Protein backbone atom coordinates (compact mmCIF):
# COMPACT_ATOMS: atom_id res chain seq x y z
CA MET A 1 -219.54 219.78 114.19
CA SER A 2 -222.89 220.51 112.53
CA GLU A 3 -226.08 220.64 114.52
CA ALA A 4 -228.33 217.61 114.50
CA THR A 5 -231.20 218.07 112.09
CA PRO A 6 -234.66 216.51 112.48
CA GLU A 7 -233.76 214.17 109.63
CA SER A 8 -230.56 213.00 111.32
CA GLU A 9 -232.37 212.50 114.63
CA ALA A 10 -235.05 210.48 112.84
CA ALA A 11 -232.39 208.34 111.22
CA LYS A 12 -230.99 207.49 114.66
CA THR A 13 -234.40 206.42 115.97
CA GLU A 14 -235.27 204.40 112.88
CA ALA A 15 -232.37 201.96 112.93
CA PRO A 16 -234.51 198.93 111.97
CA GLY A 17 -235.80 200.73 108.88
CA ARG A 18 -232.34 201.93 107.97
CA HIS A 19 -231.03 198.36 108.32
CA LYS A 20 -233.83 197.19 106.05
CA ARG A 21 -232.89 199.81 103.45
CA THR A 22 -229.26 198.69 103.63
CA ASN A 23 -230.31 195.10 103.06
CA ARG A 24 -232.49 196.15 100.14
CA ARG A 25 -229.55 197.99 98.56
CA GLU A 26 -227.40 194.87 98.89
CA GLN A 27 -230.20 192.74 97.43
CA ILE A 28 -230.44 195.05 94.43
CA LEU A 29 -226.65 194.91 93.94
CA ARG A 30 -226.55 191.11 94.07
CA THR A 31 -229.55 190.73 91.80
CA ALA A 32 -228.19 193.23 89.28
CA ALA A 33 -224.81 191.46 89.29
CA ASP A 34 -226.50 188.14 88.47
CA ALA A 35 -228.62 189.74 85.75
CA PHE A 36 -225.71 191.61 84.13
CA ALA A 37 -223.61 188.43 84.22
CA THR A 38 -226.21 186.29 82.45
CA GLN A 39 -227.83 188.84 80.12
CA GLY A 40 -225.28 191.62 79.73
CA PHE A 41 -225.83 195.28 80.61
CA HIS A 42 -227.75 196.37 77.51
CA ASN A 43 -230.10 193.38 77.61
CA THR A 44 -231.03 193.97 81.26
CA SER A 45 -233.49 196.71 82.18
CA LEU A 46 -234.23 198.25 85.54
CA ALA A 47 -237.69 196.73 85.21
CA ASP A 48 -236.10 193.27 84.90
CA ILE A 49 -234.10 193.78 88.09
CA ALA A 50 -237.08 195.23 89.92
CA ALA A 51 -239.29 192.30 88.90
CA MET A 52 -236.76 189.82 90.28
CA LEU A 53 -237.06 191.57 93.66
CA ASN A 54 -240.83 192.16 93.45
CA ILE A 55 -240.38 195.94 93.67
CA THR A 56 -240.90 198.79 91.23
CA PRO A 57 -238.19 200.34 89.03
CA ALA A 58 -238.61 203.46 91.17
CA GLY A 59 -237.60 201.34 94.14
CA VAL A 60 -234.33 200.52 92.39
CA LEU A 61 -233.75 204.18 91.50
CA HIS A 62 -234.35 205.15 95.13
CA HIS A 63 -231.07 203.39 96.01
CA PHE A 64 -229.21 204.02 92.73
CA GLY A 65 -229.85 207.16 90.75
CA SER A 66 -229.59 205.47 87.37
CA LYS A 67 -228.86 202.18 85.68
CA THR A 68 -225.31 203.39 85.05
CA ASP A 69 -224.85 204.19 88.76
CA LEU A 70 -226.05 200.68 89.55
CA LEU A 71 -223.57 199.20 87.07
CA THR A 72 -220.70 201.15 88.64
CA ALA A 73 -221.67 199.95 92.11
CA VAL A 74 -221.79 196.36 90.90
CA LEU A 75 -218.33 196.64 89.34
CA GLU A 76 -216.84 198.18 92.48
CA LEU A 77 -218.38 195.57 94.77
CA ARG A 78 -215.57 193.01 94.37
CA ASP A 79 -212.68 195.44 94.09
CA ASP A 80 -213.69 197.23 97.29
CA ALA A 81 -213.70 193.91 99.15
CA GLU A 82 -210.31 192.83 97.81
CA PRO A 83 -207.87 195.76 97.57
CA ALA A 84 -204.77 194.82 95.62
CA PRO A 85 -201.38 195.28 97.30
CA GLU A 86 -198.56 197.29 95.83
CA GLY A 87 -195.09 195.91 95.09
CA GLY A 88 -193.90 192.35 94.78
CA ARG A 89 -196.86 190.88 96.66
CA MET A 90 -199.08 191.80 93.74
CA LEU A 91 -198.12 188.69 91.75
CA ASP A 92 -199.04 186.39 94.63
CA HIS A 93 -202.26 188.36 95.03
CA LEU A 94 -203.16 187.66 91.39
CA ILE A 95 -202.85 183.91 91.89
CA ALA A 96 -204.89 184.07 95.11
CA THR A 97 -207.56 186.10 93.30
CA VAL A 98 -207.79 183.52 90.54
CA GLU A 99 -208.21 180.81 93.17
CA ARG A 100 -211.12 182.72 94.68
CA ASN A 101 -212.62 183.36 91.25
CA ALA A 102 -212.68 179.62 90.61
CA GLU A 103 -214.95 179.31 93.64
CA ARG A 104 -217.45 181.93 92.47
CA PRO A 105 -218.40 181.48 88.83
CA GLY A 106 -221.05 184.20 89.00
CA THR A 107 -218.52 186.93 89.71
CA THR A 108 -216.12 185.55 87.11
CA GLN A 109 -218.88 185.49 84.51
CA LEU A 110 -219.90 189.05 85.40
CA TYR A 111 -216.41 190.42 84.75
CA ALA A 112 -215.92 188.35 81.61
CA VAL A 113 -219.20 189.54 80.11
CA LEU A 114 -218.96 193.20 81.12
CA SER A 115 -215.28 193.64 80.23
CA ALA A 116 -215.98 192.34 76.71
CA GLU A 117 -219.13 194.46 76.43
CA SER A 118 -217.25 197.56 77.55
CA ALA A 119 -215.24 197.54 74.33
CA THR A 120 -218.38 198.50 72.39
CA ALA A 121 -219.11 202.12 71.54
CA ASP A 122 -220.50 204.33 74.33
CA HIS A 123 -220.71 201.51 76.86
CA PRO A 124 -221.11 203.06 80.35
CA ALA A 125 -218.48 200.72 81.86
CA GLN A 126 -215.84 201.54 79.25
CA GLU A 127 -214.03 204.20 81.28
CA TRP A 128 -214.22 202.06 84.43
CA PHE A 129 -212.52 199.12 82.72
CA ARG A 130 -210.01 201.36 80.95
CA HIS A 131 -208.95 202.80 84.30
CA ARG A 132 -208.92 199.36 85.91
CA TYR A 133 -206.59 197.96 83.24
CA THR A 134 -204.32 201.01 83.48
CA VAL A 135 -203.94 200.54 87.23
CA LEU A 136 -203.47 196.78 86.91
CA ARG A 137 -200.75 197.16 84.28
CA ARG A 138 -198.90 199.65 86.47
CA ARG A 139 -199.10 197.46 89.57
CA ILE A 140 -198.15 194.26 87.78
CA ALA A 141 -195.26 195.99 85.99
CA GLY A 142 -193.99 197.20 89.35
CA ALA A 143 -194.27 193.71 90.81
CA VAL A 144 -192.43 192.13 87.86
CA LEU A 145 -189.72 194.77 88.16
CA GLU A 146 -189.12 193.77 91.78
CA ARG A 147 -188.54 190.18 90.64
CA LEU A 148 -185.82 191.15 88.15
CA ASP A 149 -182.11 191.51 88.73
CA PRO A 150 -181.41 195.26 88.59
CA GLU A 151 -178.24 194.63 86.59
CA SER A 152 -179.09 191.91 84.09
CA GLY A 153 -182.87 191.87 83.76
CA ASP A 154 -184.68 193.27 80.71
CA HIS A 155 -186.48 196.24 82.23
CA SER A 156 -187.58 197.68 78.90
CA ARG A 157 -190.50 195.30 78.46
CA ILE A 158 -192.13 195.19 81.88
CA ASP A 159 -195.20 197.01 80.54
CA ASP A 160 -195.55 194.34 77.84
CA ALA A 161 -195.13 191.68 80.52
CA ALA A 162 -197.94 193.20 82.59
CA ALA A 163 -200.27 193.31 79.58
CA ALA A 164 -199.45 189.66 78.79
CA VAL A 165 -200.30 188.54 82.33
CA ILE A 166 -203.65 190.34 82.25
CA ALA A 167 -204.45 188.97 78.79
CA ALA A 168 -203.74 185.44 79.99
CA MET A 169 -205.93 185.86 83.07
CA ASP A 170 -208.88 187.29 81.13
CA GLY A 171 -208.61 184.64 78.44
CA LEU A 172 -208.41 181.89 81.04
CA GLN A 173 -211.65 183.10 82.59
CA VAL A 174 -213.53 182.55 79.35
CA GLN A 175 -211.99 179.13 78.79
CA TRP A 176 -212.77 178.14 82.37
CA LEU A 177 -216.38 179.33 82.18
CA LEU A 178 -216.90 177.24 79.05
CA ASP A 179 -215.14 174.13 80.37
CA PRO A 180 -214.19 174.31 84.09
CA GLU A 181 -212.81 170.77 84.22
CA ALA A 182 -210.34 171.42 81.41
CA VAL A 183 -208.68 174.57 82.78
CA ASP A 184 -206.84 175.03 86.07
CA MET A 185 -206.86 178.81 86.28
CA PRO A 186 -204.55 179.26 89.30
CA ALA A 187 -201.95 176.83 87.94
CA VAL A 188 -201.92 178.36 84.47
CA THR A 189 -201.78 181.90 85.87
CA GLU A 190 -198.78 180.98 88.00
CA LEU A 191 -197.13 179.34 84.97
CA VAL A 192 -197.61 182.47 82.85
CA ILE A 193 -196.25 184.77 85.56
CA ASP A 194 -193.21 182.55 86.11
CA ALA A 195 -192.58 182.31 82.36
CA VAL A 196 -192.80 186.07 81.87
CA VAL A 197 -190.48 186.80 84.79
CA ALA A 198 -188.02 184.14 83.62
CA ARG A 199 -188.00 185.55 80.10
CA LEU A 200 -187.23 189.07 81.26
CA SER A 201 -184.67 187.78 83.74
CA GLN A 202 -182.61 186.53 80.82
CA GLY A 203 -181.93 190.12 79.80
CA THR A 204 -181.88 191.55 76.30
CA HIS A 205 -179.28 189.19 74.86
């Protein structure tokens, strides 16, 4: 165990200030998420975010070293709160996630905007989304595999099935954001998952 330093002792005695700093960090995260969702990453500056909070850009950088660090923290905010399960429960988790997304349009808009933006050259979120899709495809493929008969199911296309489910979910988000009354995201997501599993359950013949 390391010795207590003057800085660590000060931190213990300044709990109210530390709590205030924590709240400020959360405020910056929430404000940045709203700004990125409505304006996109490239069209939002640190000065814009700072102005919304009545602080200086340096105040934002005090909590996040750069605009890219802030973007990464915003992207991880939802995923950290909702860890996805492994195995067969993953498919039920997807439907439950879509149900929650329908109750929070701001978060849904944020992911729709930033995931599309990340496909552009040199976007700072590109690697984050690439990794996220890689992990999602693996987990969904594993969940679909658990639903198939080990003897008769078509196991050769589970990776395609996973990509199809993700594509449907992402496309549904855009349709829902444009016309919420016309699209039932949870119902359609469940329909797509059931259809994909049923198709592969028929085997290769």
